[in-house]
Amino acid sequence: MGDAGEGLVDAEARIQERAEEVERERREKRSGGLANPEAVKQRESLQLARTEMQRQLDNTTDERRRTSISQALAEIDRRIAEIPVK
């Protein structure tokens, strides 16, 4: 039963992430999006990496691994923030 519950939670998380992506894409289209196509690719790549790292953090119980993943998430967030918006 526990596995089914985890699957449901994972599915809900993916649905929420996709909804956030769609909303972000709508905002970017309305505002003209990013001017640099390379910046768009970089941002998308980092967001995918962030999603994967967050999934790992959610499923990890080892405290040292959680610390490492949290640091990686902070670095990804920093890099995303550095990408010029326009």
PDB file of N, CA and C in Angstrom:
ATOM      1  N   MET A   1       0.821  -1.185   0.000  1.00  0.00           N
ATOM      2  CA  MET A   1       0.000   0.000   0.000  1.00  0.00           C
ATOM      3  C   MET A   1       0.862   1.244   0.000  1.00  0.00           C
ATOM      4  N   GLY A   2       2.010   1.189   0.681  1.00  0.00           N
ATOM      5  CA  GLY A   2       2.895   2.337   0.755  1.00  0.00           C
ATOM      6  C   GLY A   2       3.397   2.760  -0.614  1.00  0.00           C
ATOM      7  N   ASP A   3       3.718   1.777  -1.449  1.00  0.00           N
ATOM      8  CA  ASP A   3       4.214   2.096  -2.786  1.00  0.00           C
ATOM      9  C   ASP A   3       3.165   2.807  -3.624  1.00  0.00           C
ATOM     10  N   ALA A   4       1.932   2.408  -3.500  1.00  0.00           N
ATOM     11  CA  ALA A   4       0.857   3.051  -4.259  1.00  0.00           C
ATOM     12  C   ALA A   4       0.701   4.496  -3.813  1.00  0.00           C
ATOM     13  N   GLY A   5       0.822   4.746  -2.533  1.00  0.00           N
ATOM     14  CA  GLY A   5       0.721   6.109  -2.016  1.00  0.00           C
ATOM     15  C   GLY A   5       1.855   6.978  -2.519  1.00  0.00           C
ATOM     16  N   GLU A   6       3.077   6.415  -2.560  1.00  0.00           N
ATOM     17  CA  GLU A   6       4.217   7.162  -3.066  1.00  0.00           C
ATOM     18  C   GLU A   6       4.022   7.483  -4.547  1.00  0.00           C
ATOM     19  N   GLY A   7       3.493   6.548  -5.304  1.00  0.00           N
ATOM     20  CA  GLY A   7       3.233   6.786  -6.721  1.00  0.00           C
ATOM     21  C   GLY A   7       2.247   7.906  -6.922  1.00  0.00           C
ATOM     22  N   LEU A   8       1.234   7.933  -6.094  1.00  0.00           N
ATOM     23  CA  LEU A   8       0.236   8.992  -6.176  1.00  0.00           C
ATOM     24  C   LEU A   8       0.855  10.347  -5.851  1.00  0.00           C
ATOM     25  N   VAL A   9       1.674  10.389  -4.818  1.00  0.00           N
ATOM     26  CA  VAL A   9       2.349  11.636  -4.444  1.00  0.00           C
ATOM     27  C   VAL A   9       3.274  12.084  -5.575  1.00  0.00           C
ATOM     28  N   ASP A  10       4.027  11.157  -6.154  1.00  0.00           N
ATOM     29  CA  ASP A  10       4.909  11.493  -7.270  1.00  0.00           C
ATOM     30  C   ASP A  10       4.114  12.019  -8.453  1.00  0.00           C
ATOM     31  N   ALA A  11       2.992  11.385  -8.762  1.00  0.00           N
ATOM     32  CA  ALA A  11       2.161  11.828  -9.880  1.00  0.00           C
ATOM     33  C   ALA A  11       1.622  13.231  -9.624  1.00  0.00           C
ATOM     34  N   GLU A  12       1.185  13.481  -8.414  1.00  0.00           N
ATOM     35  CA  GLU A  12       0.682  14.812  -8.076  1.00  0.00           C
ATOM     36  C   GLU A  12       1.786  15.855  -8.191  1.00  0.00           C
ATOM     37  N   ALA A  13       2.991  15.503  -7.773  1.00  0.00           N
ATOM     38  CA  ALA A  13       4.125  16.426  -7.865  1.00  0.00           C
ATOM     39  C   ALA A  13       4.435  16.734  -9.321  1.00  0.00           C
ATOM     40  N   ARG A  14       4.412  15.717 -10.173  1.00  0.00           N
ATOM     41  CA  ARG A  14       4.682  15.939 -11.597  1.00  0.00           C
ATOM     42  C   ARG A  14       3.603  16.810 -12.227  1.00  0.00           C
ATOM     43  N   ILE A  15       2.363  16.595 -11.858  1.00  0.00           N
ATOM     44  CA  ILE A  15       1.270  17.413 -12.382  1.00  0.00           C
ATOM     45  C   ILE A  15       1.473  18.866 -11.969  1.00  0.00           C
ATOM     46  N   GLN A  16       1.815  19.092 -10.719  1.00  0.00           N
ATOM     47  CA  GLN A  16       2.033  20.451 -10.227  1.00  0.00           C
ATOM     48  C   GLN A  16       3.213  21.102 -10.946  1.00  0.00           C
ATOM     49  N   GLU A  17       4.301  20.359 -11.140  1.00  0.00           N
ATOM     50  CA  GLU A  17       5.468  20.899 -11.840  1.00  0.00           C
ATOM     51  C   GLU A  17       5.110  21.264 -13.273  1.00  0.00           C
ATOM     52  N   ARG A  18       4.338  20.411 -13.925  1.00  0.00           N
ATOM     53  CA  ARG A  18       3.943  20.700 -15.316  1.00  0.00           C
ATOM     54  C   ARG A  18       3.055  21.933 -15.376  1.00  0.00           C
ATOM     55  N   ALA A  19       2.136  22.072 -14.413  1.00  0.00           N
ATOM     56  CA  ALA A  19       1.267  23.250 -14.370  1.00  0.00           C
ATOM     57  C   ALA A  19       2.104  24.515 -14.194  1.00  0.00           C
ATOM     58  N   GLU A  20       3.133  24.438 -13.349  1.00  0.00           N
ATOM     59  CA  GLU A  20       4.015  25.584 -13.155  1.00  0.00           C
ATOM     60  C   GLU A  20       4.781  25.905 -14.431  1.00  0.00           C
ATOM     61  N   GLU A  21       5.245  24.875 -15.140  1.00  0.00           N
ATOM     62  CA  GLU A  21       5.948  25.081 -16.405  1.00  0.00           C
ATOM     63  C   GLU A  21       5.048  25.780 -17.418  1.00  0.00           C
ATOM     64  N   VAL A  22       3.816  25.307 -17.541  1.00  0.00           N
ATOM     65  CA  VAL A  22       2.865  25.890 -18.498  1.00  0.00           C
ATOM     66  C   VAL A  22       2.624  27.359 -18.156  1.00  0.00           C
ATOM     67  N   GLU A  23       2.444  27.655 -16.887  1.00  0.00           N
ATOM     68  CA  GLU A  23       2.219  29.039 -16.466  1.00  0.00           C
ATOM     69  C   GLU A  23       3.440  29.909 -16.770  1.00  0.00           C
ATOM     70  N   ARG A  24       4.636  29.378 -16.508  1.00  0.00           N
ATOM     71  CA  ARG A  24       5.861  30.124 -16.803  1.00  0.00           C
ATOM     72  C   ARG A  24       5.980  30.395 -18.297  1.00  0.00           C
ATOM     73  N   GLU A  25       5.679  29.384 -19.113  1.00  0.00           N
ATOM     74  CA  GLU A  25       5.746  29.560 -20.560  1.00  0.00           C
ATOM     75  C   GLU A  25       4.758  30.614 -21.036  1.00  0.00           C
ATOM     76  N   ARG A  26       3.573  30.621 -20.463  1.00  0.00           N
ATOM     77  CA  ARG A  26       2.575  31.640 -20.824  1.00  0.00           C
ATOM     78  C   ARG A  26       3.082  33.038 -20.489  1.00  0.00           C
ATOM     79  N   ARG A  27       3.653  33.176 -19.292  1.00  0.00           N
ATOM     80  CA  ARG A  27       4.184  34.488 -18.889  1.00  0.00           C
ATOM     81  C   ARG A  27       5.307  34.931 -19.818  1.00  0.00           C
ATOM     82  N   GLU A  28       6.182  34.003 -20.190  1.00  0.00           N
ATOM     83  CA  GLU A  28       7.288  34.343 -21.073  1.00  0.00           C
ATOM     84  C   GLU A  28       6.776  34.762 -22.446  1.00  0.00           C
ATOM     85  N   LYS A  29       5.761  34.078 -22.957  1.00  0.00           N
ATOM     86  CA  LYS A  29       5.205  34.443 -24.260  1.00  0.00           C
ATOM     87  C   LYS A  29       4.577  35.826 -24.221  1.00  0.00           C
ATOM     88  N   ARG A  30       3.853  36.117 -23.134  1.00  0.00           N
ATOM     89  CA  ARG A  30       3.221  37.433 -22.998  1.00  0.00           C
ATOM     90  C   ARG A  30       4.256  38.542 -22.883  1.00  0.00           C
ATOM     91  N   SER A  31       5.354  38.254 -22.189  1.00  0.00           N
ATOM     92  CA  SER A  31       6.357  39.293 -21.982  1.00  0.00           C
ATOM     93  C   SER A  31       7.410  39.290 -23.085  1.00  0.00           C
ATOM     94  N   GLY A  32       7.262  38.460 -24.054  1.00  0.00           N
ATOM     95  CA  GLY A  32       8.216  38.396 -25.150  1.00  0.00           C
ATOM     96  C   GLY A  32       9.277  37.321 -24.946  1.00  0.00           C
ATOM     97  N   GLY A  33       9.268  36.659 -23.814  1.00  0.00           N
ATOM     98  CA  GLY A  33      10.210  35.572 -23.561  1.00  0.00           C
ATOM     99  C   GLY A  33      11.623  36.080 -23.385  1.00  0.00           C
ATOM    100  N   LEU A  34      12.555  35.174 -23.368  1.00  0.00           N
ATOM    101  CA  LEU A  34      13.953  35.524 -23.238  1.00  0.00           C
ATOM    102  C   LEU A  34      14.501  35.888 -24.609  1.00  0.00           C
ATOM    103  N   ALA A  35      15.351  36.880 -24.646  1.00  0.00           N
ATOM    104  CA  ALA A  35      15.893  37.352 -25.916  1.00  0.00           C
ATOM    105  C   ALA A  35      16.917  36.385 -26.495  1.00  0.00           C
ATOM    106  N   ASN A  36      17.632  35.705 -25.660  1.00  0.00           N
ATOM    107  CA  ASN A  36      18.723  34.852 -26.088  1.00  0.00           C
ATOM    108  C   ASN A  36      18.276  33.385 -26.079  1.00  0.00           C
ATOM    109  N   PRO A  37      18.243  32.740 -27.253  1.00  0.00           N
ATOM    110  CA  PRO A  37      17.811  31.329 -27.298  1.00  0.00           C
ATOM    111  C   PRO A  37      18.715  30.419 -26.465  1.00  0.00           C
ATOM    112  N   GLU A  38      19.999  30.760 -26.371  1.00  0.00           N
ATOM    113  CA  GLU A  38      20.913  29.959 -25.548  1.00  0.00           C
ATOM    114  C   GLU A  38      20.532  30.063 -24.079  1.00  0.00           C
ATOM    115  N   ALA A  39      20.097  31.247 -23.650  1.00  0.00           N
ATOM    116  CA  ALA A  39      19.663  31.436 -22.264  1.00  0.00           C
ATOM    117  C   ALA A  39      18.410  30.610 -21.987  1.00  0.00           C
ATOM    118  N   VAL A  40      17.533  30.513 -22.982  1.00  0.00           N
ATOM    119  CA  VAL A  40      16.317  29.708 -22.825  1.00  0.00           C
ATOM    120  C   VAL A  40      16.703  28.240 -22.617  1.00  0.00           C
ATOM    121  N   LYS A  41      17.609  27.744 -23.444  1.00  0.00           N
ATOM    122  CA  LYS A  41      18.056  26.351 -23.320  1.00  0.00           C
ATOM    123  C   LYS A  41      18.715  26.108 -21.970  1.00  0.00           C
ATOM    124  N   GLN A  42      19.543  27.058 -21.559  1.00  0.00           N
ATOM    125  CA  GLN A  42      20.243  26.933 -20.289  1.00  0.00           C
ATOM    126  C   GLN A  42      19.253  26.893 -19.123  1.00  0.00           C
ATOM    127  N   ARG A  43      18.269  27.784 -19.157  1.00  0.00           N
ATOM    128  CA  ARG A  43      17.268  27.840 -18.090  1.00  0.00           C
ATOM    129  C   ARG A  43      16.458  26.537 -18.048  1.00  0.00           C
ATOM    130  N   GLU A  44      16.034  26.050 -19.206  1.00  0.00           N
ATOM    131  CA  GLU A  44      15.245  24.819 -19.246  1.00  0.00           C
ATOM    132  C   GLU A  44      16.058  23.642 -18.712  1.00  0.00           C
ATOM    133  N   SER A  45      17.332  23.575 -19.085  1.00  0.00           N
ATOM    134  CA  SER A  45      18.193  22.503 -18.622  1.00  0.00           C
ATOM    135  C   SER A  45      18.343  22.552 -17.107  1.00  0.00           C
ATOM    136  N   LEU A  46      18.554  23.737 -16.573  1.00  0.00           N
ATOM    137  CA  LEU A  46      18.696  23.886 -15.128  1.00  0.00           C
ATOM    138  C   LEU A  46      17.397  23.551 -14.400  1.00  0.00           C
ATOM    139  N   GLN A  47      16.277  23.909 -14.991  1.00  0.00           N
ATOM    140  CA  GLN A  47      14.995  23.604 -14.352  1.00  0.00           C
ATOM    141  C   GLN A  47      14.738  22.101 -14.334  1.00  0.00           C
ATOM    142  N   LEU A  48      15.127  21.421 -15.397  1.00  0.00           N
ATOM    143  CA  LEU A  48      15.005  19.958 -15.412  1.00  0.00           C
ATOM    144  C   LEU A  48      15.912  19.331 -14.353  1.00  0.00           C
ATOM    145  N   ALA A  49      17.131  19.841 -14.257  1.00  0.00           N
ATOM    146  CA  ALA A  49      18.063  19.331 -13.247  1.00  0.00           C
ATOM    147  C   ALA A  49      17.505  19.585 -11.850  1.00  0.00           C
ATOM    148  N   ARG A  50      16.905  20.749 -11.652  1.00  0.00           N
ATOM    149  CA  ARG A  50      16.338  21.089 -10.349  1.00  0.00           C
ATOM    150  C   ARG A  50      15.184  20.142  -9.992  1.00  0.00           C
ATOM    151  N   THR A  51      14.344  19.846 -10.973  1.00  0.00           N
ATOM    152  CA  THR A  51      13.232  18.926 -10.743  1.00  0.00           C
ATOM    153  C   THR A  51      13.744  17.551 -10.328  1.00  0.00           C
ATOM    154  N   GLU A  52      14.779  17.078 -11.000  1.00  0.00           N
ATOM    155  CA  GLU A  52      15.347  15.775 -10.677  1.00  0.00           C
ATOM    156  C   GLU A  52      15.987  15.788  -9.293  1.00  0.00           C
ATOM    157  N   MET A  53      16.715  16.835  -8.965  1.00  0.00           N
ATOM    158  CA  MET A  53      17.344  16.925  -7.655  1.00  0.00           C
ATOM    159  C   MET A  53      16.296  17.006  -6.541  1.00  0.00           C
ATOM    160  N   GLN A  54      15.217  17.725  -6.797  1.00  0.00           N
ATOM    161  CA  GLN A  54      14.146  17.817  -5.795  1.00  0.00           C
ATOM    162  C   GLN A  54      13.507  16.445  -5.581  1.00  0.00           C
ATOM    163  N   ARG A  55      13.338  15.688  -6.661  1.00  0.00           N
ATOM    164  CA  ARG A  55      12.785  14.336  -6.543  1.00  0.00           C
ATOM    165  C   ARG A  55      13.700  13.466  -5.693  1.00  0.00           C
ATOM    166  N   GLN A  56      15.015  13.582  -5.939  1.00  0.00           N
ATOM    167  CA  GLN A  56      15.967  12.801  -5.147  1.00  0.00           C
ATOM    168  C   GLN A  56      15.919  13.204  -3.678  1.00  0.00           C
ATOM    169  N   LEU A  57      15.822  14.498  -3.429  1.00  0.00           N
ATOM    170  CA  LEU A  57      15.758  14.973  -2.051  1.00  0.00           C
ATOM    171  C   LEU A  57      14.521  14.434  -1.343  1.00  0.00           C
ATOM    172  N   ASP A  58      13.408  14.434  -2.050  1.00  0.00           N
ATOM    173  CA  ASP A  58      12.157  13.938  -1.473  1.00  0.00           C
ATOM    174  C   ASP A  58      12.218  12.455  -1.134  1.00  0.00           C
ATOM    175  N   ASN A  59      13.039  11.701  -1.859  1.00  0.00           N
ATOM    176  CA  ASN A  59      13.094  10.246  -1.676  1.00  0.00           C
ATOM    177  C   ASN A  59      14.293   9.775  -0.870  1.00  0.00           C
ATOM    178  N   THR A  60      15.142  10.690  -0.404  1.00  0.00           N
ATOM    179  CA  THR A  60      16.358  10.319   0.309  1.00  0.00           C
ATOM    180  C   THR A  60      16.181  10.488   1.812  1.00  0.00           C
ATOM    181  N   THR A  61      16.630   9.481   2.549  1.00  0.00           N
ATOM    182  CA  THR A  61      16.542   9.557   4.008  1.00  0.00           C
ATOM    183  C   THR A  61      17.902   9.787   4.650  1.00  0.00           C
ATOM    184  N   ASP A  62      18.995   9.468   3.968  1.00  0.00           N
ATOM    185  CA  ASP A  62      20.331   9.661   4.507  1.00  0.00           C
ATOM    186  C   ASP A  62      20.626  11.161   4.645  1.00  0.00           C
ATOM    187  N   GLU A  63      20.954  11.586   5.851  1.00  0.00           N
ATOM    188  CA  GLU A  63      21.106  13.018   6.130  1.00  0.00           C
ATOM    189  C   GLU A  63      22.284  13.636   5.375  1.00  0.00           C
ATOM    190  N   ARG A  64      23.381  12.907   5.219  1.00  0.00           N
ATOM    191  CA  ARG A  64      24.521  13.454   4.456  1.00  0.00           C
ATOM    192  C   ARG A  64      24.155  13.644   2.988  1.00  0.00           C
ATOM    193  N   ARG A  65      23.436  12.700   2.435  1.00  0.00           N
ATOM    194  CA  ARG A  65      22.995  12.811   1.041  1.00  0.00           C
ATOM    195  C   ARG A  65      22.008  13.964   0.893  1.00  0.00           C
ATOM    196  N   ARG A  66      21.103  14.132   1.853  1.00  0.00           N
ATOM    197  CA  ARG A  66      20.134  15.238   1.816  1.00  0.00           C
ATOM    198  C   ARG A  66      20.856  16.586   1.841  1.00  0.00           C
ATOM    199  N   THR A  67      21.922  16.674   2.648  1.00  0.00           N
ATOM    200  CA  THR A  67      22.704  17.911   2.718  1.00  0.00           C
ATOM    201  C   THR A  67      23.358  18.201   1.375  1.00  0.00           C
ATOM    202  N   SER A  68      23.940  17.171   0.784  1.00  0.00           N
ATOM    203  CA  SER A  68      24.594  17.315  -0.515  1.00  0.00           C
ATOM    204  C   SER A  68      23.596  17.759  -1.589  1.00  0.00           C
ATOM    205  N   ILE A  69      22.441  17.126  -1.613  1.00  0.00           N
ATOM    206  CA  ILE A  69      21.415  17.468  -2.594  1.00  0.00           C
ATOM    207  C   ILE A  69      20.907  18.891  -2.358  1.00  0.00           C
ATOM    208  N   SER A  70      20.748  19.276  -1.108  1.00  0.00           N
ATOM    209  CA  SER A  70      20.296  20.632  -0.795  1.00  0.00           C
ATOM    210  C   SER A  70      21.300  21.665  -1.297  1.00  0.00           C
ATOM    211  N   GLN A  71      22.579  21.360  -1.157  1.00  0.00           N
ATOM    212  CA  GLN A  71      23.604  22.266  -1.663  1.00  0.00           C
ATOM    213  C   GLN A  71      23.552  22.348  -3.182  1.00  0.00           C
ATOM    214  N   ALA A  72      23.318  21.221  -3.823  1.00  0.00           N
ATOM    215  CA  ALA A  72      23.202  21.209  -5.280  1.00  0.00           C
ATOM    216  C   ALA A  72      21.989  22.026  -5.730  1.00  0.00           C
ATOM    217  N   LEU A  73      20.879  21.898  -5.017  1.00  0.00           N
ATOM    218  CA  LEU A  73      19.691  22.687  -5.338  1.00  0.00           C
ATOM    219  C   LEU A  73      19.973  24.183  -5.198  1.00  0.00           C
ATOM    220  N   ALA A  74      20.694  24.562  -4.154  1.00  0.00           N
ATOM    221  CA  ALA A  74      21.036  25.974  -3.958  1.00  0.00           C
ATOM    222  C   ALA A  74      21.896  26.480  -5.113  1.00  0.00           C
ATOM    223  N   GLU A  75      22.819  25.658  -5.570  1.00  0.00           N
ATOM    224  CA  GLU A  75      23.675  26.047  -6.697  1.00  0.00           C
ATOM    225  C   GLU A  75      22.856  26.180  -7.978  1.00  0.00           C
ATOM    226  N   ILE A  76      21.962  25.264  -8.210  1.00  0.00           N
ATOM    227  CA  ILE A  76      21.102  25.342  -9.394  1.00  0.00           C
ATOM    228  C   ILE A  76      20.252  26.607  -9.334  1.00  0.00           C
ATOM    229  N   ASP A  77      19.670  26.888  -8.178  1.00  0.00           N
ATOM    230  CA  ASP A  77      18.868  28.102  -8.025  1.00  0.00           C
ATOM    231  C   ASP A  77      19.706  29.349  -8.293  1.00  0.00           C
ATOM    232  N   ARG A  78      20.953  29.351  -7.811  1.00  0.00           N
ATOM    233  CA  ARG A  78      21.832  30.490  -8.043  1.00  0.00           C
ATOM    234  C   ARG A  78      22.092  30.680  -9.532  1.00  0.00           C
ATOM    235  N   ARG A  79      22.345  29.572 -10.219  1.00  0.00           N
ATOM    236  CA  ARG A  79      22.605  29.653 -11.663  1.00  0.00           C
ATOM    237  C   ARG A  79      21.374  30.113 -12.441  1.00  0.00           C
ATOM    238  N   ILE A  80      20.200  29.646 -12.039  1.00  0.00           N
ATOM    239  CA  ILE A  80      18.972  30.079 -12.697  1.00  0.00           C
ATOM    240  C   ILE A  80      18.795  31.586 -12.524  1.00  0.00           C
ATOM    241  N   ALA A  81      19.072  32.078 -11.318  1.00  0.00           N
ATOM    242  CA  ALA A  81      18.917  33.499 -11.034  1.00  0.00           C
ATOM    243  C   ALA A  81      19.890  34.354 -11.839  1.00  0.00           C
ATOM    244  N   GLU A  82      21.028  33.790 -12.223  1.00  0.00           N
ATOM    245  CA  GLU A  82      22.025  34.536 -12.986  1.00  0.00           C
ATOM    246  C   GLU A  82      21.664  34.673 -14.458  1.00  0.00           C
ATOM    247  N   ILE A  83      20.799  33.843 -14.962  1.00  0.00           N
ATOM    248  CA  ILE A  83      20.442  33.896 -16.380  1.00  0.00           C
ATOM    249  C   ILE A  83      19.642  35.164 -16.628  1.00  0.00           C
ATOM    250  N   PRO A  84      20.080  35.975 -17.592  1.00  0.00           N
ATOM    251  CA  PRO A  84      19.340  37.220 -17.863  1.00  0.00           C
ATOM    252  C   PRO A  84      17.920  36.929 -18.334  1.00  0.00           C
ATOM    253  N   VAL A  85      16.982  37.706 -17.816  1.00  0.00           N
ATOM    254  CA  VAL A  85      15.580  37.487 -18.157  1.00  0.00           C
ATOM    255  C   VAL A  85      15.281  38.020 -19.542  1.00  0.00           C
ATOM    256  N   LYS A  86      15.893  39.085 -19.927  1.00  0.00           N
ATOM    257  CA  LYS A  86      15.674  39.633 -21.282  1.00  0.00           C
ATOM    258  C   LYS A  86      16.948  40.043 -21.905  1.00  0.00           C
TER     259      LYS A  86
END
